[in-house]
Amino acid sequence: ELPSEARFNSFEAQNDDYTLQTALDALFRFGVVMFKADAREKVSFETFSHRLAGFLDRTYFGEFFDLNVKPEATTDSVAFSTRELPLHTDIPYYSPPPDFQFLYGLDVSPECARRGIGNTRFVDGLAAAISLRFEEPEAFAALTRIAVINRAEYPQAQKIYENIAPIIKLAPDGSIERLLNNPSKMFFDNVEFDDMTPLYRAYKLFKDRLVN
């Protein structure tokens, strides 16, 4: 549950500098903020996102795209299916991955909300990594040392994206700079045999902290 300090009216943030600045301060404090507007308020997501970020990176899907559920046989991405996605860092196969993402959507029906359909869950990955660092230093070191392949294949577009990086990336001063955790896009083709068991053990300990 996000605190009230991380919730804002998107119409006000689009049109009022003070609200925008407060929202950006909250973003750097909490790592995630939520915007919501009344249906009667006119909000342009394109204007709104450019006002917050200035410059937007393009992805394989384009600068803006609507995520519509498709039949399993007609999609090459689990994101467009009805299957539940595990906790993940989005687009880890880009280098560097996005620093921030904008997710927008319409309110789901009460029935869907009751069943958990359309819900989004956010987890403090930094807190999980810090906990691992102090409680399981060997596991933490393994996740910062052993690189894995983050790969996405889109046959319909005839494109393959890859980014080789450790799950936990450290900055030069030793602080945690970035987390890349996406089980559905993670491959171990490049991992040495002797590193497999330490990597699996470390990743399980990390995932336990993310999920629990």
N, C-alpha and C. Protein backbone atom coordinates (compact mmCIF):
# COMPACT_ATOMS: atom_id res chain seq x y z
N GLU A 1 0.85 -1.19 0.00
CA GLU A 1 0.00 0.00 0.00
C GLU A 1 0.89 1.24 0.00
N LEU A 2 0.73 2.07 -1.03
CA LEU A 2 1.54 3.29 -1.10
C LEU A 2 1.07 4.30 -0.07
N PRO A 3 2.00 5.00 0.58
CA PRO A 3 1.58 6.05 1.51
C PRO A 3 0.93 7.21 0.78
N SER A 4 0.17 8.00 1.51
CA SER A 4 -0.52 9.13 0.89
C SER A 4 0.45 10.13 0.27
N GLU A 5 1.68 10.20 0.82
CA GLU A 5 2.67 11.14 0.28
C GLU A 5 3.15 10.75 -1.12
N ALA A 6 2.83 9.52 -1.55
CA ALA A 6 3.25 9.06 -2.87
C ALA A 6 2.09 8.99 -3.86
N ARG A 7 0.96 9.60 -3.51
CA ARG A 7 -0.23 9.59 -4.38
C ARG A 7 -0.57 11.02 -4.79
N PHE A 8 -0.81 11.21 -6.09
CA PHE A 8 -1.05 12.56 -6.60
C PHE A 8 -2.15 12.54 -7.65
N ASN A 9 -2.70 13.73 -7.87
CA ASN A 9 -3.69 13.92 -8.92
C ASN A 9 -2.94 14.25 -10.21
N SER A 10 -3.13 13.44 -11.24
CA SER A 10 -2.37 13.64 -12.48
C SER A 10 -2.76 14.92 -13.20
N PHE A 11 -4.00 15.35 -13.07
CA PHE A 11 -4.42 16.60 -13.70
C PHE A 11 -3.67 17.78 -13.06
N GLU A 12 -3.55 17.74 -11.73
CA GLU A 12 -2.82 18.81 -11.04
C GLU A 12 -1.33 18.76 -11.38
N ALA A 13 -0.75 17.56 -11.43
CA ALA A 13 0.68 17.45 -11.75
C ALA A 13 0.95 17.92 -13.18
N GLN A 14 -0.01 17.74 -14.07
CA GLN A 14 0.15 18.17 -15.45
C GLN A 14 0.12 19.69 -15.58
N ASN A 15 -0.58 20.35 -14.66
CA ASN A 15 -0.82 21.79 -14.83
C ASN A 15 -0.25 22.67 -13.73
N ASP A 16 0.26 22.07 -12.66
CA ASP A 16 0.74 22.87 -11.53
C ASP A 16 2.18 22.49 -11.20
N ASP A 17 3.09 23.47 -11.22
CA ASP A 17 4.51 23.20 -11.00
C ASP A 17 4.79 22.69 -9.59
N TYR A 18 4.09 23.22 -8.61
CA TYR A 18 4.35 22.80 -7.22
C TYR A 18 3.99 21.33 -7.02
N THR A 19 2.85 20.92 -7.57
CA THR A 19 2.45 19.51 -7.46
C THR A 19 3.45 18.62 -8.18
N LEU A 20 3.90 19.06 -9.34
CA LEU A 20 4.88 18.29 -10.09
C LEU A 20 6.17 18.13 -9.30
N GLN A 21 6.67 19.21 -8.70
CA GLN A 21 7.91 19.14 -7.93
C GLN A 21 7.75 18.23 -6.72
N THR A 22 6.60 18.33 -6.05
CA THR A 22 6.34 17.47 -4.90
C THR A 22 6.31 16.00 -5.31
N ALA A 23 5.72 15.72 -6.47
CA ALA A 23 5.64 14.35 -6.96
C ALA A 23 7.03 13.81 -7.30
N LEU A 24 7.86 14.63 -7.91
CA LEU A 24 9.22 14.20 -8.25
C LEU A 24 10.04 13.95 -6.99
N ASP A 25 9.88 14.79 -5.98
CA ASP A 25 10.55 14.57 -4.70
C ASP A 25 10.13 13.23 -4.10
N ALA A 26 8.83 12.94 -4.18
CA ALA A 26 8.32 11.67 -3.65
C ALA A 26 8.85 10.48 -4.44
N LEU A 27 9.02 10.66 -5.75
CA LEU A 27 9.54 9.58 -6.59
C LEU A 27 10.95 9.20 -6.15
N PHE A 28 11.79 10.19 -5.89
CA PHE A 28 13.14 9.90 -5.46
C PHE A 28 13.18 9.37 -4.03
N ARG A 29 12.17 9.69 -3.25
CA ARG A 29 12.12 9.19 -1.88
C ARG A 29 11.61 7.76 -1.80
N PHE A 30 10.54 7.45 -2.52
CA PHE A 30 9.90 6.14 -2.41
C PHE A 30 10.24 5.19 -3.56
N GLY A 31 10.70 5.74 -4.70
CA GLY A 31 10.99 4.89 -5.84
C GLY A 31 9.81 4.63 -6.74
N VAL A 32 8.59 4.94 -6.27
CA VAL A 32 7.38 4.75 -7.07
C VAL A 32 6.33 5.74 -6.58
N VAL A 33 5.59 6.31 -7.49
CA VAL A 33 4.47 7.19 -7.15
C VAL A 33 3.28 6.82 -8.02
N MET A 34 2.10 7.19 -7.54
CA MET A 34 0.88 6.89 -8.29
C MET A 34 0.13 8.19 -8.59
N PHE A 35 -0.34 8.31 -9.82
CA PHE A 35 -1.14 9.46 -10.23
C PHE A 35 -2.53 8.95 -10.63
N LYS A 36 -3.53 9.71 -10.26
CA LYS A 36 -4.89 9.34 -10.62
C LYS A 36 -5.70 10.61 -10.85
N ALA A 37 -6.56 10.57 -11.85
CA ALA A 37 -7.39 11.74 -12.17
C ALA A 37 -8.84 11.32 -12.27
N ASP A 38 -9.70 12.25 -11.99
CA ASP A 38 -11.13 12.04 -12.16
C ASP A 38 -11.42 11.91 -13.66
N ALA A 39 -12.41 11.10 -14.01
CA ALA A 39 -12.73 10.88 -15.41
C ALA A 39 -13.12 12.17 -16.12
N ARG A 40 -13.57 13.16 -15.38
CA ARG A 40 -13.99 14.42 -15.99
C ARG A 40 -12.81 15.35 -16.25
N GLU A 41 -11.63 15.02 -15.71
CA GLU A 41 -10.45 15.86 -15.88
C GLU A 41 -9.67 15.41 -17.12
N LYS A 42 -9.31 16.35 -17.96
CA LYS A 42 -8.63 16.03 -19.21
C LYS A 42 -7.13 15.93 -18.97
N VAL A 43 -6.62 14.71 -19.11
CA VAL A 43 -5.19 14.47 -18.93
C VAL A 43 -4.64 13.81 -20.19
N SER A 44 -3.61 14.40 -20.76
CA SER A 44 -2.93 13.83 -21.91
C SER A 44 -1.72 13.06 -21.39
N PHE A 45 -1.70 11.74 -21.55
CA PHE A 45 -0.56 10.98 -21.03
C PHE A 45 0.73 11.40 -21.70
N GLU A 46 0.69 11.73 -22.98
CA GLU A 46 1.90 12.15 -23.68
C GLU A 46 2.43 13.45 -23.08
N THR A 47 1.55 14.43 -22.91
CA THR A 47 1.96 15.70 -22.30
C THR A 47 2.44 15.49 -20.87
N PHE A 48 1.69 14.68 -20.14
CA PHE A 48 1.99 14.43 -18.73
C PHE A 48 3.36 13.77 -18.56
N SER A 49 3.65 12.72 -19.35
CA SER A 49 4.91 11.99 -19.20
C SER A 49 6.10 12.83 -19.64
N HIS A 50 5.95 13.60 -20.71
CA HIS A 50 7.04 14.48 -21.14
C HIS A 50 7.30 15.56 -20.10
N ARG A 51 6.26 16.03 -19.45
CA ARG A 51 6.43 17.06 -18.41
C ARG A 51 7.20 16.49 -17.22
N LEU A 52 6.97 15.23 -16.88
CA LEU A 52 7.68 14.62 -15.76
C LEU A 52 9.12 14.27 -16.12
N ALA A 53 9.31 13.68 -17.31
CA ALA A 53 10.61 13.11 -17.64
C ALA A 53 11.42 13.96 -18.61
N GLY A 54 10.77 14.78 -19.40
CA GLY A 54 11.49 15.53 -20.42
C GLY A 54 11.74 14.67 -21.63
N PHE A 55 12.76 13.82 -21.57
CA PHE A 55 13.12 12.95 -22.70
C PHE A 55 12.70 11.52 -22.39
N LEU A 56 12.04 10.86 -23.35
CA LEU A 56 11.62 9.47 -23.18
C LEU A 56 12.40 8.58 -24.15
N ASP A 57 12.91 7.46 -23.63
CA ASP A 57 13.58 6.48 -24.49
C ASP A 57 12.54 5.67 -25.24
N ARG A 58 12.84 5.37 -26.49
CA ARG A 58 11.99 4.49 -27.26
C ARG A 58 12.37 3.04 -26.99
N THR A 59 11.40 2.13 -27.10
CA THR A 59 11.65 0.71 -26.96
C THR A 59 11.23 0.01 -28.24
N TYR A 60 11.35 -1.31 -28.23
CA TYR A 60 10.89 -2.10 -29.37
C TYR A 60 9.41 -1.82 -29.65
N PHE A 61 8.65 -1.54 -28.61
CA PHE A 61 7.21 -1.31 -28.76
C PHE A 61 6.88 0.11 -29.19
N GLY A 62 7.88 1.00 -29.21
CA GLY A 62 7.63 2.39 -29.54
C GLY A 62 7.67 3.25 -28.29
N GLU A 63 7.47 4.56 -28.46
CA GLU A 63 7.51 5.47 -27.32
C GLU A 63 6.29 5.28 -26.42
N PHE A 64 5.12 5.09 -27.03
CA PHE A 64 3.89 4.79 -26.30
C PHE A 64 3.23 3.58 -26.95
N PHE A 65 2.68 2.72 -26.15
CA PHE A 65 1.92 1.61 -26.72
C PHE A 65 0.89 1.13 -25.71
N ASP A 66 -0.22 0.62 -26.23
CA ASP A 66 -1.28 0.06 -25.39
C ASP A 66 -1.10 -1.44 -25.28
N LEU A 67 -1.13 -1.94 -24.07
CA LEU A 67 -0.98 -3.36 -23.85
C LEU A 67 -2.36 -4.01 -23.88
N ASN A 68 -2.65 -4.73 -24.94
CA ASN A 68 -3.92 -5.40 -25.10
C ASN A 68 -3.72 -6.91 -25.05
N VAL A 69 -4.56 -7.59 -24.30
CA VAL A 69 -4.46 -9.04 -24.18
C VAL A 69 -4.78 -9.69 -25.52
N LYS A 70 -3.95 -10.67 -25.91
CA LYS A 70 -4.11 -11.37 -27.18
C LYS A 70 -4.16 -12.87 -26.92
N PRO A 71 -4.73 -13.65 -27.83
CA PRO A 71 -4.68 -15.11 -27.70
C PRO A 71 -3.23 -15.60 -27.66
N GLU A 72 -2.97 -16.65 -26.89
CA GLU A 72 -1.61 -17.16 -26.71
C GLU A 72 -0.94 -17.44 -28.06
N ALA A 73 -1.69 -17.96 -29.03
CA ALA A 73 -1.10 -18.38 -30.29
C ALA A 73 -0.69 -17.20 -31.18
N THR A 74 -1.14 -16.00 -30.85
CA THR A 74 -0.88 -14.87 -31.73
C THR A 74 0.08 -13.85 -31.13
N THR A 75 0.66 -14.14 -29.98
CA THR A 75 1.57 -13.18 -29.36
C THR A 75 2.92 -13.82 -29.08
N ASP A 76 4.00 -13.04 -29.20
CA ASP A 76 5.33 -13.54 -28.88
C ASP A 76 5.84 -12.94 -27.57
N SER A 77 4.94 -12.42 -26.73
CA SER A 77 5.33 -11.83 -25.45
C SER A 77 4.35 -12.24 -24.37
N VAL A 78 4.87 -12.72 -23.24
CA VAL A 78 4.01 -13.11 -22.13
C VAL A 78 3.26 -11.90 -21.58
N ALA A 79 3.80 -10.69 -21.81
CA ALA A 79 3.16 -9.48 -21.30
C ALA A 79 1.78 -9.25 -21.91
N PHE A 80 1.55 -9.81 -23.09
CA PHE A 80 0.27 -9.62 -23.76
C PHE A 80 -0.69 -10.79 -23.51
N SER A 81 -0.27 -11.75 -22.70
CA SER A 81 -1.11 -12.89 -22.41
C SER A 81 -1.90 -12.62 -21.12
N THR A 82 -2.72 -13.59 -20.75
CA THR A 82 -3.50 -13.47 -19.51
C THR A 82 -2.77 -14.08 -18.33
N ARG A 83 -1.56 -14.57 -18.55
CA ARG A 83 -0.81 -15.20 -17.47
C ARG A 83 -0.27 -14.16 -16.49
N GLU A 84 -0.17 -14.57 -15.22
CA GLU A 84 0.38 -13.68 -14.19
C GLU A 84 1.88 -13.56 -14.37
N LEU A 85 2.39 -12.34 -14.32
CA LEU A 85 3.81 -12.12 -14.44
C LEU A 85 4.46 -12.17 -13.06
N PRO A 86 5.63 -12.83 -12.93
CA PRO A 86 6.33 -12.80 -11.65
C PRO A 86 6.92 -11.41 -11.40
N LEU A 87 7.32 -11.16 -10.17
CA LEU A 87 8.00 -9.90 -9.88
C LEU A 87 9.21 -9.77 -10.79
N HIS A 88 9.36 -8.62 -11.41
CA HIS A 88 10.43 -8.49 -12.39
C HIS A 88 10.83 -7.04 -12.60
N THR A 89 12.04 -6.87 -13.10
CA THR A 89 12.51 -5.60 -13.64
C THR A 89 12.18 -5.61 -15.13
N ASP A 90 11.48 -4.60 -15.60
CA ASP A 90 11.06 -4.60 -16.99
C ASP A 90 12.22 -4.23 -17.93
N ILE A 91 12.17 -4.79 -19.11
CA ILE A 91 13.11 -4.51 -20.21
C ILE A 91 14.57 -4.63 -19.76
N PRO A 92 14.96 -5.75 -19.12
CA PRO A 92 16.34 -5.90 -18.67
C PRO A 92 17.31 -6.16 -19.82
N TYR A 93 16.77 -6.48 -21.01
CA TYR A 93 17.62 -6.81 -22.15
C TYR A 93 18.11 -5.56 -22.87
N TYR A 94 17.68 -4.38 -22.43
CA TYR A 94 18.22 -3.13 -22.94
C TYR A 94 19.45 -2.75 -22.13
N SER A 95 20.38 -2.08 -22.77
CA SER A 95 21.58 -1.63 -22.06
C SER A 95 21.83 -0.16 -22.37
N PRO A 96 21.71 0.71 -21.36
CA PRO A 96 21.23 0.39 -20.01
C PRO A 96 19.71 0.31 -19.98
N PRO A 97 19.15 -0.44 -19.03
CA PRO A 97 17.69 -0.50 -18.89
C PRO A 97 17.12 0.85 -18.47
N PRO A 98 15.82 1.04 -18.61
CA PRO A 98 15.21 2.32 -18.21
C PRO A 98 15.44 2.61 -16.72
N ASP A 99 15.67 3.86 -16.41
CA ASP A 99 15.79 4.27 -15.00
C ASP A 99 14.41 4.36 -14.36
N PHE A 100 13.45 4.89 -15.11
CA PHE A 100 12.07 5.00 -14.62
C PHE A 100 11.13 4.59 -15.74
N GLN A 101 9.98 4.06 -15.35
CA GLN A 101 8.97 3.69 -16.32
C GLN A 101 7.63 4.31 -15.95
N PHE A 102 6.86 4.63 -16.97
CA PHE A 102 5.49 5.10 -16.79
C PHE A 102 4.54 3.97 -17.17
N LEU A 103 3.72 3.55 -16.27
CA LEU A 103 2.67 2.58 -16.56
C LEU A 103 1.33 3.28 -16.39
N TYR A 104 0.50 3.22 -17.39
CA TYR A 104 -0.79 3.90 -17.30
C TYR A 104 -1.90 2.91 -17.62
N GLY A 105 -3.06 3.15 -17.09
CA GLY A 105 -4.17 2.25 -17.36
C GLY A 105 -5.48 2.80 -16.85
N LEU A 106 -6.55 2.13 -17.24
CA LEU A 106 -7.88 2.47 -16.79
C LEU A 106 -8.21 1.67 -15.55
N ASP A 107 -9.11 2.18 -14.73
CA ASP A 107 -9.55 1.43 -13.56
C ASP A 107 -10.21 0.14 -13.99
N VAL A 108 -9.89 -0.93 -13.29
CA VAL A 108 -10.52 -2.22 -13.61
C VAL A 108 -11.87 -2.29 -12.92
N SER A 109 -12.71 -3.21 -13.37
CA SER A 109 -14.03 -3.37 -12.78
C SER A 109 -13.89 -3.92 -11.37
N PRO A 110 -14.88 -3.69 -10.50
CA PRO A 110 -14.82 -4.23 -9.14
C PRO A 110 -14.63 -5.75 -9.10
N GLU A 111 -15.25 -6.47 -10.07
CA GLU A 111 -15.11 -7.92 -10.11
C GLU A 111 -13.68 -8.33 -10.42
N CYS A 112 -13.07 -7.65 -11.38
CA CYS A 112 -11.68 -7.94 -11.71
C CYS A 112 -10.76 -7.61 -10.54
N ALA A 113 -11.02 -6.48 -9.89
CA ALA A 113 -10.21 -6.09 -8.74
C ALA A 113 -10.31 -7.13 -7.62
N ARG A 114 -11.52 -7.67 -7.41
CA ARG A 114 -11.72 -8.68 -6.36
C ARG A 114 -10.92 -9.93 -6.66
N ARG A 115 -10.81 -10.28 -7.93
CA ARG A 115 -10.08 -11.49 -8.33
C ARG A 115 -8.59 -11.22 -8.56
N GLY A 116 -8.17 -9.96 -8.42
CA GLY A 116 -6.77 -9.64 -8.60
C GLY A 116 -6.36 -9.44 -10.03
N ILE A 117 -7.31 -9.42 -10.95
CA ILE A 117 -7.00 -9.24 -12.37
C ILE A 117 -6.70 -7.77 -12.66
N GLY A 118 -5.59 -7.51 -13.28
CA GLY A 118 -5.22 -6.14 -13.61
C GLY A 118 -4.47 -5.42 -12.51
N ASN A 119 -4.24 -6.10 -11.38
CA ASN A 119 -3.51 -5.48 -10.28
C ASN A 119 -2.01 -5.48 -10.57
N THR A 120 -1.33 -4.51 -10.02
CA THR A 120 0.13 -4.40 -10.15
C THR A 120 0.74 -4.36 -8.77
N ARG A 121 1.80 -5.14 -8.58
CA ARG A 121 2.48 -5.21 -7.29
C ARG A 121 3.88 -4.66 -7.43
N PHE A 122 4.27 -3.79 -6.51
CA PHE A 122 5.61 -3.23 -6.49
C PHE A 122 6.32 -3.68 -5.21
N VAL A 123 7.61 -3.98 -5.32
CA VAL A 123 8.40 -4.45 -4.19
C VAL A 123 9.67 -3.61 -4.10
N ASP A 124 10.12 -3.33 -2.90
CA ASP A 124 11.35 -2.57 -2.68
C ASP A 124 12.55 -3.48 -2.88
N GLY A 125 13.03 -3.56 -4.11
CA GLY A 125 14.17 -4.42 -4.41
C GLY A 125 15.45 -3.96 -3.75
N LEU A 126 15.61 -2.65 -3.58
CA LEU A 126 16.81 -2.13 -2.92
C LEU A 126 16.88 -2.62 -1.48
N ALA A 127 15.75 -2.59 -0.78
CA ALA A 127 15.73 -3.06 0.60
C ALA A 127 16.07 -4.55 0.67
N ALA A 128 15.55 -5.33 -0.30
CA ALA A 128 15.86 -6.76 -0.34
C ALA A 128 17.35 -7.00 -0.58
N ALA A 129 17.94 -6.22 -1.47
CA ALA A 129 19.36 -6.37 -1.76
C ALA A 129 20.22 -5.97 -0.57
N ILE A 130 19.84 -4.91 0.13
CA ILE A 130 20.59 -4.48 1.31
C ILE A 130 20.51 -5.55 2.40
N SER A 131 19.32 -6.13 2.57
CA SER A 131 19.16 -7.20 3.55
C SER A 131 20.06 -8.39 3.20
N LEU A 132 20.10 -8.76 1.92
CA LEU A 132 20.95 -9.86 1.49
C LEU A 132 22.42 -9.54 1.74
N ARG A 133 22.80 -8.31 1.50
CA ARG A 133 24.20 -7.91 1.66
C ARG A 133 24.69 -8.11 3.10
N PHE A 134 23.85 -7.79 4.06
CA PHE A 134 24.25 -7.88 5.46
C PHE A 134 24.06 -9.28 6.04
N GLU A 135 23.03 -10.00 5.57
CA GLU A 135 22.72 -11.30 6.15
C GLU A 135 23.39 -12.46 5.40
N GLU A 136 23.63 -12.30 4.11
CA GLU A 136 24.23 -13.35 3.29
C GLU A 136 25.27 -12.72 2.36
N PRO A 137 26.40 -12.28 2.93
CA PRO A 137 27.38 -11.55 2.11
C PRO A 137 27.94 -12.36 0.94
N GLU A 138 28.12 -13.68 1.10
CA GLU A 138 28.63 -14.49 0.00
C GLU A 138 27.63 -14.54 -1.16
N ALA A 139 26.36 -14.68 -0.81
CA ALA A 139 25.32 -14.71 -1.84
C ALA A 139 25.24 -13.35 -2.55
N PHE A 140 25.32 -12.28 -1.77
CA PHE A 140 25.30 -10.94 -2.36
C PHE A 140 26.47 -10.76 -3.31
N ALA A 141 27.66 -11.20 -2.90
CA ALA A 141 28.84 -11.05 -3.75
C ALA A 141 28.68 -11.85 -5.04
N ALA A 142 28.04 -13.02 -4.96
CA ALA A 142 27.83 -13.82 -6.16
C ALA A 142 26.94 -13.10 -7.16
N LEU A 143 25.89 -12.45 -6.67
CA LEU A 143 24.96 -11.75 -7.57
C LEU A 143 25.57 -10.50 -8.16
N THR A 144 26.61 -9.96 -7.54
CA THR A 144 27.29 -8.80 -8.11
C THR A 144 28.44 -9.21 -9.03
N ARG A 145 28.91 -10.45 -8.89
CA ARG A 145 30.07 -10.91 -9.65
C ARG A 145 29.69 -11.68 -10.91
N ILE A 146 28.66 -12.52 -10.82
CA ILE A 146 28.32 -13.43 -11.92
C ILE A 146 27.30 -12.76 -12.85
N ALA A 147 27.69 -12.55 -14.06
CA ALA A 147 26.79 -11.94 -15.04
C ALA A 147 25.89 -13.00 -15.66
N VAL A 148 24.68 -12.62 -15.99
CA VAL A 148 23.74 -13.50 -16.70
C VAL A 148 23.30 -12.79 -17.98
N ILE A 149 22.67 -13.55 -18.86
CA ILE A 149 22.19 -12.96 -20.12
C ILE A 149 20.71 -12.63 -19.98
N ASN A 150 20.37 -11.38 -20.19
CA ASN A 150 18.97 -10.96 -20.29
C ASN A 150 18.64 -10.88 -21.77
N ARG A 151 17.70 -11.73 -22.20
CA ARG A 151 17.45 -11.86 -23.63
C ARG A 151 15.95 -11.81 -23.93
N ALA A 152 15.61 -11.15 -25.02
CA ALA A 152 14.23 -11.13 -25.50
C ALA A 152 14.22 -11.40 -26.99
N GLU A 153 13.41 -12.36 -27.39
CA GLU A 153 13.29 -12.70 -28.81
C GLU A 153 11.87 -12.38 -29.27
N TYR A 154 11.79 -11.63 -30.36
CA TYR A 154 10.50 -11.27 -30.95
C TYR A 154 10.48 -11.76 -32.39
N PRO A 155 10.07 -13.02 -32.59
CA PRO A 155 10.11 -13.60 -33.95
C PRO A 155 9.32 -12.81 -34.97
N GLN A 156 8.16 -12.28 -34.56
CA GLN A 156 7.33 -11.56 -35.52
C GLN A 156 8.03 -10.31 -36.04
N ALA A 157 8.88 -9.72 -35.21
CA ALA A 157 9.64 -8.54 -35.62
C ALA A 157 11.04 -8.90 -36.11
N GLN A 158 11.39 -10.20 -36.01
CA GLN A 158 12.71 -10.68 -36.39
C GLN A 158 13.81 -9.93 -35.65
N LYS A 159 13.63 -9.81 -34.34
CA LYS A 159 14.60 -9.09 -33.51
C LYS A 159 14.95 -9.91 -32.27
N ILE A 160 16.21 -9.83 -31.86
CA ILE A 160 16.69 -10.43 -30.62
C ILE A 160 17.49 -9.36 -29.89
N TYR A 161 17.16 -9.15 -28.61
CA TYR A 161 17.87 -8.19 -27.78
C TYR A 161 18.59 -8.94 -26.66
N GLU A 162 19.82 -8.54 -26.35
CA GLU A 162 20.57 -9.17 -25.26
C GLU A 162 21.34 -8.11 -24.48
N ASN A 163 21.41 -8.32 -23.18
CA ASN A 163 22.21 -7.48 -22.30
C ASN A 163 22.83 -8.39 -21.25
N ILE A 164 24.15 -8.46 -21.21
CA ILE A 164 24.85 -9.32 -20.26
C ILE A 164 25.27 -8.46 -19.06
N ALA A 165 24.76 -8.81 -17.88
CA ALA A 165 25.01 -8.00 -16.69
C ALA A 165 24.73 -8.83 -15.44
N PRO A 166 25.33 -8.47 -14.30
CA PRO A 166 24.98 -9.15 -13.05
C PRO A 166 23.59 -8.73 -12.58
N ILE A 167 22.97 -9.56 -11.76
CA ILE A 167 21.65 -9.26 -11.23
C ILE A 167 21.69 -8.02 -10.34
N ILE A 168 22.76 -7.86 -9.58
CA ILE A 168 22.97 -6.66 -8.76
C ILE A 168 24.22 -5.96 -9.26
N LYS A 169 24.07 -4.74 -9.73
CA LYS A 169 25.21 -3.97 -10.22
C LYS A 169 25.62 -2.94 -9.18
N LEU A 170 26.92 -2.91 -8.88
CA LEU A 170 27.45 -1.96 -7.91
C LEU A 170 28.05 -0.75 -8.60
N ALA A 171 27.95 0.40 -7.95
CA ALA A 171 28.61 1.62 -8.42
C ALA A 171 30.08 1.57 -8.02
N PRO A 172 30.92 2.43 -8.58
CA PRO A 172 32.34 2.42 -8.22
C PRO A 172 32.61 2.57 -6.73
N ASP A 173 31.72 3.25 -6.00
CA ASP A 173 31.94 3.41 -4.57
C ASP A 173 31.41 2.24 -3.74
N GLY A 174 30.89 1.19 -4.41
CA GLY A 174 30.40 0.02 -3.71
C GLY A 174 28.93 0.04 -3.37
N SER A 175 28.25 1.14 -3.62
CA SER A 175 26.82 1.21 -3.36
C SER A 175 26.05 0.46 -4.46
N ILE A 176 24.82 0.10 -4.16
CA ILE A 176 24.00 -0.62 -5.12
C ILE A 176 23.46 0.37 -6.15
N GLU A 177 23.79 0.13 -7.41
CA GLU A 177 23.40 1.06 -8.47
C GLU A 177 22.14 0.62 -9.21
N ARG A 178 21.98 -0.71 -9.44
CA ARG A 178 20.88 -1.17 -10.27
C ARG A 178 20.58 -2.64 -9.99
N LEU A 179 19.30 -3.01 -10.10
CA LEU A 179 18.88 -4.40 -9.98
C LEU A 179 18.26 -4.83 -11.31
N LEU A 180 18.63 -6.01 -11.78
CA LEU A 180 18.03 -6.58 -12.99
C LEU A 180 17.51 -7.97 -12.63
N ASN A 181 16.22 -8.06 -12.42
CA ASN A 181 15.62 -9.32 -12.02
C ASN A 181 14.39 -9.59 -12.88
N ASN A 182 14.54 -10.47 -13.85
CA ASN A 182 13.41 -10.84 -14.69
C ASN A 182 13.53 -12.32 -15.04
N PRO A 183 12.88 -13.20 -14.25
CA PRO A 183 13.03 -14.65 -14.47
C PRO A 183 12.67 -15.09 -15.88
N SER A 184 11.70 -14.45 -16.51
CA SER A 184 11.27 -14.89 -17.84
C SER A 184 12.22 -14.46 -18.95
N LYS A 185 13.15 -13.55 -18.64
CA LYS A 185 14.10 -13.06 -19.65
C LYS A 185 15.54 -13.41 -19.29
N MET A 186 15.76 -14.19 -18.25
CA MET A 186 17.09 -14.47 -17.72
C MET A 186 17.59 -15.82 -18.22
N PHE A 187 18.81 -15.84 -18.78
CA PHE A 187 19.41 -17.07 -19.30
C PHE A 187 20.84 -17.19 -18.79
N PHE A 188 21.34 -18.44 -18.76
CA PHE A 188 22.63 -18.70 -18.12
C PHE A 188 23.63 -19.33 -19.08
N ASP A 189 23.49 -19.05 -20.38
CA ASP A 189 24.38 -19.64 -21.38
C ASP A 189 25.85 -19.34 -21.08
N ASN A 190 26.11 -18.19 -20.52
CA ASN A 190 27.48 -17.72 -20.35
C ASN A 190 28.07 -18.06 -18.98
N VAL A 191 27.27 -18.64 -18.07
CA VAL A 191 27.73 -18.87 -16.70
C VAL A 191 28.62 -20.10 -16.64
N GLU A 192 29.79 -19.96 -16.00
CA GLU A 192 30.70 -21.08 -15.84
C GLU A 192 30.09 -22.15 -14.95
N PHE A 193 30.49 -23.42 -15.17
CA PHE A 193 29.91 -24.53 -14.43
C PHE A 193 30.07 -24.35 -12.92
N ASP A 194 31.24 -23.94 -12.47
CA ASP A 194 31.49 -23.80 -11.03
C ASP A 194 30.70 -22.65 -10.41
N ASP A 195 30.18 -21.78 -11.24
CA ASP A 195 29.40 -20.65 -10.72
C ASP A 195 27.91 -20.95 -10.64
N MET A 196 27.47 -22.06 -11.22
CA MET A 196 26.04 -22.32 -11.29
C MET A 196 25.41 -22.52 -9.91
N THR A 197 26.00 -23.38 -9.09
CA THR A 197 25.42 -23.63 -7.76
C THR A 197 25.44 -22.38 -6.89
N PRO A 198 26.55 -21.63 -6.80
CA PRO A 198 26.53 -20.38 -6.02
C PRO A 198 25.50 -19.38 -6.55
N LEU A 199 25.33 -19.32 -7.87
CA LEU A 199 24.37 -18.38 -8.45
C LEU A 199 22.94 -18.78 -8.09
N TYR A 200 22.60 -20.05 -8.25
CA TYR A 200 21.25 -20.51 -7.93
C TYR A 200 20.94 -20.29 -6.45
N ARG A 201 21.90 -20.61 -5.59
CA ARG A 201 21.68 -20.42 -4.15
C ARG A 201 21.46 -18.95 -3.83
N ALA A 202 22.31 -18.10 -4.40
CA ALA A 202 22.22 -16.66 -4.13
C ALA A 202 20.91 -16.09 -4.65
N TYR A 203 20.52 -16.52 -5.84
CA TYR A 203 19.29 -15.99 -6.44
C TYR A 203 18.07 -16.41 -5.63
N LYS A 204 18.07 -17.66 -5.13
CA LYS A 204 16.95 -18.10 -4.30
C LYS A 204 16.85 -17.26 -3.03
N LEU A 205 17.97 -17.00 -2.39
CA LEU A 205 17.95 -16.19 -1.18
C LEU A 205 17.45 -14.77 -1.46
N PHE A 206 17.83 -14.25 -2.62
CA PHE A 206 17.37 -12.91 -3.00
C PHE A 206 15.87 -12.92 -3.29
N LYS A 207 15.40 -13.92 -4.06
CA LYS A 207 13.98 -14.00 -4.39
C LYS A 207 13.13 -14.21 -3.15
N ASP A 208 13.62 -14.96 -2.17
CA ASP A 208 12.89 -15.15 -0.92
C ASP A 208 12.62 -13.81 -0.24
N ARG A 209 13.57 -12.91 -0.33
CA ARG A 209 13.41 -11.59 0.28
C ARG A 209 12.46 -10.70 -0.53
N LEU A 210 12.43 -10.90 -1.83
CA LEU A 210 11.52 -10.12 -2.66
C LEU A 210 10.06 -10.55 -2.47
N VAL A 211 9.85 -11.84 -2.37
CA VAL A 211 8.49 -12.39 -2.33
C VAL A 211 7.89 -12.34 -0.94
N ASN A 212 8.70 -12.55 0.10
CA ASN A 212 8.18 -12.65 1.47
C ASN A 212 8.24 -11.30 2.20
